[in-house]
Amino acid sequence: MASIVFTSVCFWCAAQHDRIADDLDPGASPKPGDCSICFDCAKPNVFDKQLQLREPTKAEQLILDADIRIQEAIRAIRQVRSVRDFRARRRS
């Protein structure tokens, strides 16, 4: 999966990310209304008109909750974080 450089800040945890990726369209740039899942907190964000991340509306959240790809991505990010946290605890 290709990624492009694009700086964004998670609405939920303020983590800064410097890349985005789309497995269906590797060269795609974000558009208003697109979803982005934070790799730090695993919560979905939505791009606004200025391409800043915001909280999903209730209607958007219902759509995200029903989207299998989104839910699989969230589970995968949580699993990676869990392994990373486990390894960090083992080292300390």
Protein backbone atom coordinates (compact mmCIF):
# COMPACT_ATOMS: atom_id res chain seq x y z
CA MET A 1 0.00 0.00 0.00
CA ALA A 2 1.44 3.33 -1.06
CA SER A 3 1.18 6.41 1.09
CA ILE A 4 1.50 10.12 0.50
CA VAL A 5 2.96 12.78 2.77
CA PHE A 6 0.16 14.70 4.42
CA THR A 7 0.25 16.21 7.90
CA SER A 8 -2.82 15.81 10.08
CA VAL A 9 -3.63 15.95 13.81
CA CYS A 10 -6.05 13.53 15.44
CA PHE A 11 -9.17 15.22 16.81
CA TRP A 12 -9.27 12.77 19.75
CA CYS A 13 -5.69 12.49 21.03
CA ALA A 14 -3.84 15.26 19.12
CA ALA A 15 -1.33 12.77 17.70
CA GLN A 16 0.42 14.14 14.65
CA HIS A 17 0.58 11.95 11.57
CA ASP A 18 2.61 12.65 8.47
CA ARG A 19 1.22 10.12 5.99
CA ILE A 20 -2.06 8.84 4.67
CA ALA A 21 -2.76 5.67 2.74
CA ASP A 22 -5.72 4.27 0.85
CA ASP A 23 -5.61 0.60 -0.05
CA LEU A 24 -8.20 1.06 -2.82
CA ASP A 25 -6.58 4.13 -4.41
CA PRO A 26 -2.89 4.38 -3.44
CA GLY A 27 -2.36 7.83 -5.01
CA ALA A 28 -5.48 9.39 -3.52
CA SER A 29 -5.40 12.60 -1.54
CA PRO A 30 -7.95 13.14 1.23
CA LYS A 31 -11.21 14.87 0.43
CA PRO A 32 -13.72 16.49 2.77
CA GLY A 33 -15.80 13.74 4.36
CA ASP A 34 -13.10 11.04 4.06
CA CYS A 35 -12.33 8.97 7.14
CA SER A 36 -8.91 8.70 8.78
CA ILE A 37 -8.14 6.29 11.60
CA CYS A 38 -5.55 7.47 14.12
CA PHE A 39 -2.61 5.08 14.53
CA ASP A 40 -2.17 6.24 18.14
CA CYS A 41 -5.68 5.99 19.60
CA ALA A 42 -7.40 3.95 16.82
CA LYS A 43 -10.38 6.30 16.69
CA PRO A 44 -11.93 7.42 13.42
CA ASN A 45 -11.71 11.06 12.34
CA VAL A 46 -13.29 12.78 9.35
CA PHE A 47 -11.65 15.39 7.14
CA ASP A 48 -13.46 18.75 7.13
CA LYS A 49 -13.55 21.29 4.28
CA GLN A 50 -10.08 22.60 5.22
CA LEU A 51 -8.80 18.98 5.39
CA GLN A 52 -8.41 19.19 9.14
CA LEU A 53 -9.54 16.19 11.17
CA ARG A 54 -12.75 16.43 13.19
CA GLU A 55 -15.09 14.24 15.17
CA PRO A 56 -17.52 12.24 13.02
CA THR A 57 -21.14 13.38 13.18
CA LYS A 58 -23.62 10.90 14.65
CA ALA A 59 -24.75 9.95 11.13
CA GLU A 60 -21.14 9.48 9.97
CA GLN A 61 -20.35 7.42 13.07
CA LEU A 62 -23.23 5.06 12.30
CA ILE A 63 -21.85 4.57 8.80
CA LEU A 64 -18.32 4.00 10.14
CA ASP A 65 -19.61 1.53 12.73
CA ALA A 66 -21.31 -0.48 9.96
CA ASP A 67 -18.31 -0.43 7.58
CA ILE A 68 -16.48 -3.76 7.88
CA ARG A 69 -13.25 -2.35 6.38
CA ILE A 70 -13.17 0.47 8.93
CA GLN A 71 -13.83 -1.90 11.82
CA GLU A 72 -11.14 -4.33 10.61
CA ALA A 73 -8.64 -1.47 10.33
CA ILE A 74 -9.46 -0.31 13.86
CA ARG A 75 -8.99 -3.87 15.20
CA ALA A 76 -5.66 -4.19 13.36
CA ILE A 77 -4.36 -0.90 14.74
CA ARG A 78 -5.38 -1.91 18.27
CA GLN A 79 -3.64 -5.26 17.84
CA VAL A 80 -0.42 -3.62 16.65
CA ARG A 81 -0.57 -1.17 19.58
CA SER A 82 -1.12 -4.05 22.00
CA VAL A 83 1.96 -5.90 20.72
CA ARG A 84 4.01 -2.69 20.76
CA ASP A 85 2.95 -1.93 24.35
CA PHE A 86 3.68 -5.52 25.44
CA ARG A 87 7.19 -5.35 23.97
CA ALA A 88 7.83 -1.99 25.63
CA ARG A 89 6.75 -3.36 29.03
CA ARG A 90 8.99 -6.41 28.59
CA ARG A 91 12.01 -4.21 27.94
CA SER A 92 11.50 -2.10 31.04
